[in-house]
Amino acid sequence: MFLTNKQITQLTGYQKPALQRQWLIDNGYSFDVRADGHPVVSRAHYESHHGVIFGKRASVPDLAALDNLE
């Protein structure tokens, strides 16, 4: 799965593919380029870039451990 053109425009703030590509480079995104020049960003890369990790539970702090502090 890939981000749509609209999602890439929203992410980068640019409509022109050349400016979108430069923004993606400047912000550390990996992408491919279609024959028409538009960047293609995988949804998995986008989500991993934003800290979304599938298959892992978010850690929950053990608040009961605070009761043992003196």
N, C-alpha and C. Protein backbone atom coordinates (compact mmCIF):
# COMPACT_ATOMS: atom_id res chain seq x y z
N MET A 1 0.84 -1.18 0.00
CA MET A 1 0.00 0.00 0.00
C MET A 1 0.88 1.24 0.00
N PHE A 2 0.37 2.28 -0.64
CA PHE A 2 1.12 3.52 -0.78
C PHE A 2 0.25 4.71 -0.40
N LEU A 3 0.88 5.81 -0.02
CA LEU A 3 0.15 7.05 0.21
C LEU A 3 -0.42 7.52 -1.12
N THR A 4 -1.59 8.12 -1.08
CA THR A 4 -2.19 8.67 -2.29
C THR A 4 -1.50 9.99 -2.65
N ASN A 5 -1.74 10.44 -3.87
CA ASN A 5 -1.18 11.75 -4.27
C ASN A 5 -1.67 12.85 -3.33
N LYS A 6 -2.95 12.79 -2.95
CA LYS A 6 -3.51 13.79 -2.05
C LYS A 6 -2.81 13.75 -0.69
N GLN A 7 -2.54 12.55 -0.18
CA GLN A 7 -1.86 12.42 1.11
C GLN A 7 -0.43 12.95 1.03
N ILE A 8 0.25 12.72 -0.08
CA ILE A 8 1.62 13.24 -0.23
C ILE A 8 1.58 14.76 -0.31
N THR A 9 0.57 15.30 -0.98
CA THR A 9 0.41 16.77 -1.03
C THR A 9 0.17 17.32 0.37
N GLN A 10 -0.67 16.66 1.15
CA GLN A 10 -0.95 17.10 2.52
C GLN A 10 0.30 16.98 3.39
N LEU A 11 1.04 15.91 3.22
CA LEU A 11 2.25 15.68 4.01
C LEU A 11 3.31 16.74 3.73
N THR A 12 3.55 17.00 2.45
CA THR A 12 4.64 17.89 2.06
C THR A 12 4.24 19.36 2.00
N GLY A 13 2.97 19.61 1.75
CA GLY A 13 2.52 20.99 1.56
C GLY A 13 2.75 21.50 0.15
N TYR A 14 3.18 20.62 -0.74
CA TYR A 14 3.47 21.00 -2.12
C TYR A 14 2.65 20.17 -3.09
N GLN A 15 2.28 20.79 -4.23
CA GLN A 15 1.56 20.08 -5.29
C GLN A 15 2.50 19.63 -6.40
N LYS A 16 3.58 20.36 -6.61
CA LYS A 16 4.51 20.01 -7.68
C LYS A 16 5.38 18.83 -7.25
N PRO A 17 5.45 17.79 -8.09
CA PRO A 17 6.23 16.60 -7.73
C PRO A 17 7.68 16.89 -7.38
N ALA A 18 8.33 17.81 -8.08
CA ALA A 18 9.74 18.11 -7.79
C ALA A 18 9.89 18.67 -6.38
N LEU A 19 8.98 19.53 -5.97
CA LEU A 19 9.04 20.10 -4.62
C LEU A 19 8.67 19.05 -3.57
N GLN A 20 7.74 18.16 -3.91
CA GLN A 20 7.39 17.06 -3.00
C GLN A 20 8.61 16.17 -2.78
N ARG A 21 9.30 15.83 -3.86
CA ARG A 21 10.49 14.97 -3.75
C ARG A 21 11.54 15.62 -2.88
N GLN A 22 11.78 16.92 -3.08
CA GLN A 22 12.79 17.60 -2.28
C GLN A 22 12.40 17.64 -0.82
N TRP A 23 11.13 17.88 -0.53
CA TRP A 23 10.68 17.88 0.86
C TRP A 23 10.88 16.51 1.49
N LEU A 24 10.54 15.46 0.76
CA LEU A 24 10.70 14.11 1.28
C LEU A 24 12.17 13.81 1.57
N ILE A 25 13.06 14.22 0.68
CA ILE A 25 14.50 14.04 0.89
C ILE A 25 14.94 14.79 2.15
N ASP A 26 14.54 16.06 2.23
CA ASP A 26 14.95 16.91 3.36
C ASP A 26 14.45 16.39 4.70
N ASN A 27 13.37 15.62 4.67
CA ASN A 27 12.76 15.13 5.91
C ASN A 27 12.98 13.64 6.15
N GLY A 28 13.90 13.05 5.40
CA GLY A 28 14.34 11.69 5.66
C GLY A 28 13.41 10.57 5.21
N TYR A 29 12.56 10.84 4.23
CA TYR A 29 11.67 9.80 3.72
C TYR A 29 12.31 9.06 2.57
N SER A 30 12.08 7.75 2.52
CA SER A 30 12.47 6.95 1.37
C SER A 30 11.28 6.92 0.41
N PHE A 31 11.56 6.99 -0.87
CA PHE A 31 10.46 6.96 -1.84
C PHE A 31 11.00 6.53 -3.19
N ASP A 32 10.08 6.09 -4.03
CA ASP A 32 10.38 5.80 -5.43
C ASP A 32 9.73 6.90 -6.25
N VAL A 33 10.08 6.95 -7.53
CA VAL A 33 9.51 7.96 -8.42
C VAL A 33 8.80 7.26 -9.57
N ARG A 34 7.54 7.62 -9.78
CA ARG A 34 6.77 7.06 -10.90
C ARG A 34 7.24 7.68 -12.20
N ALA A 35 6.82 7.11 -13.31
CA ALA A 35 7.20 7.60 -14.63
C ALA A 35 6.75 9.05 -14.85
N ASP A 36 5.67 9.45 -14.18
CA ASP A 36 5.18 10.83 -14.34
C ASP A 36 5.87 11.81 -13.40
N GLY A 37 6.85 11.33 -12.61
CA GLY A 37 7.62 12.20 -11.72
C GLY A 37 7.10 12.30 -10.30
N HIS A 38 5.92 11.77 -10.04
CA HIS A 38 5.37 11.84 -8.68
C HIS A 38 6.09 10.86 -7.76
N PRO A 39 6.36 11.30 -6.53
CA PRO A 39 6.99 10.39 -5.57
C PRO A 39 5.97 9.36 -5.07
N VAL A 40 6.47 8.18 -4.73
CA VAL A 40 5.65 7.10 -4.20
C VAL A 40 6.24 6.73 -2.84
N VAL A 41 5.43 6.90 -1.80
CA VAL A 41 5.86 6.59 -0.43
C VAL A 41 5.03 5.43 0.08
N SER A 42 5.68 4.39 0.57
CA SER A 42 4.90 3.27 1.11
C SER A 42 4.27 3.69 2.43
N ARG A 43 3.06 3.18 2.64
CA ARG A 43 2.35 3.49 3.88
C ARG A 43 3.13 2.97 5.09
N ALA A 44 3.76 1.80 4.93
CA ALA A 44 4.54 1.22 6.03
C ALA A 44 5.71 2.13 6.39
N HIS A 45 6.39 2.71 5.37
CA HIS A 45 7.50 3.61 5.66
C HIS A 45 6.99 4.87 6.36
N TYR A 46 5.90 5.43 5.87
CA TYR A 46 5.31 6.61 6.49
C TYR A 46 4.99 6.34 7.96
N GLU A 47 4.34 5.19 8.22
CA GLU A 47 3.95 4.88 9.59
C GLU A 47 5.16 4.61 10.48
N SER A 48 6.18 3.94 9.95
CA SER A 48 7.37 3.69 10.76
C SER A 48 8.13 5.00 11.02
N HIS A 49 8.06 5.92 10.07
CA HIS A 49 8.71 7.23 10.22
C HIS A 49 8.05 8.03 11.34
N HIS A 50 6.78 7.71 11.60
CA HIS A 50 6.02 8.41 12.64
C HIS A 50 5.84 7.57 13.89
N GLY A 51 6.65 6.53 14.03
CA GLY A 51 6.66 5.76 15.27
C GLY A 51 5.59 4.72 15.43
N VAL A 52 4.87 4.40 14.37
CA VAL A 52 3.85 3.36 14.45
C VAL A 52 4.54 2.02 14.22
N ILE A 53 4.40 1.12 15.19
CA ILE A 53 5.02 -0.20 15.10
C ILE A 53 3.91 -1.23 15.21
N PHE A 54 3.76 -2.04 14.17
CA PHE A 54 2.71 -3.05 14.18
C PHE A 54 3.21 -4.32 14.84
N GLY A 55 2.32 -5.01 15.51
CA GLY A 55 2.66 -6.28 16.12
C GLY A 55 3.29 -6.14 17.51
N LYS A 56 3.41 -4.94 18.00
CA LYS A 56 3.97 -4.73 19.34
C LYS A 56 2.99 -3.92 20.17
N ARG A 57 2.87 -4.31 21.40
CA ARG A 57 2.02 -3.56 22.31
C ARG A 57 2.77 -2.35 22.84
N ALA A 58 2.04 -1.31 23.06
CA ALA A 58 2.65 -0.15 23.72
C ALA A 58 2.94 -0.53 25.16
N SER A 59 4.08 -0.11 25.65
CA SER A 59 4.40 -0.44 27.04
C SER A 59 3.57 0.42 27.98
N VAL A 60 3.19 -0.18 29.08
CA VAL A 60 2.38 0.50 30.08
C VAL A 60 3.22 0.59 31.35
N PRO A 61 3.39 1.77 31.90
CA PRO A 61 4.21 1.89 33.11
C PRO A 61 3.58 1.16 34.29
N ASP A 62 4.44 0.60 35.12
CA ASP A 62 3.99 -0.10 36.33
C ASP A 62 3.91 0.94 37.45
N LEU A 63 2.74 1.53 37.59
CA LEU A 63 2.56 2.58 38.60
C LEU A 63 2.62 2.03 40.02
N ALA A 64 2.36 0.75 40.19
CA ALA A 64 2.43 0.14 41.52
C ALA A 64 3.87 0.17 42.04
N ALA A 65 4.84 0.21 41.15
CA ALA A 65 6.24 0.26 41.56
C ALA A 65 6.53 1.55 42.33
N LEU A 66 5.76 2.59 42.11
CA LEU A 66 5.96 3.86 42.82
C LEU A 66 5.61 3.73 44.30
N ASP A 67 4.74 2.77 44.62
CA ASP A 67 4.35 2.56 46.01
C ASP A 67 5.54 2.05 46.85
N ASN A 68 6.52 1.43 46.19
CA ASN A 68 7.66 0.85 46.90
C ASN A 68 8.79 1.85 47.11
N LEU A 69 8.65 3.04 46.60
CA LEU A 69 9.70 4.06 46.77
C LEU A 69 9.61 4.66 48.17
N GLU A 70 10.73 4.94 48.75
CA GLU A 70 10.72 5.54 50.09
C GLU A 70 11.21 6.95 50.04
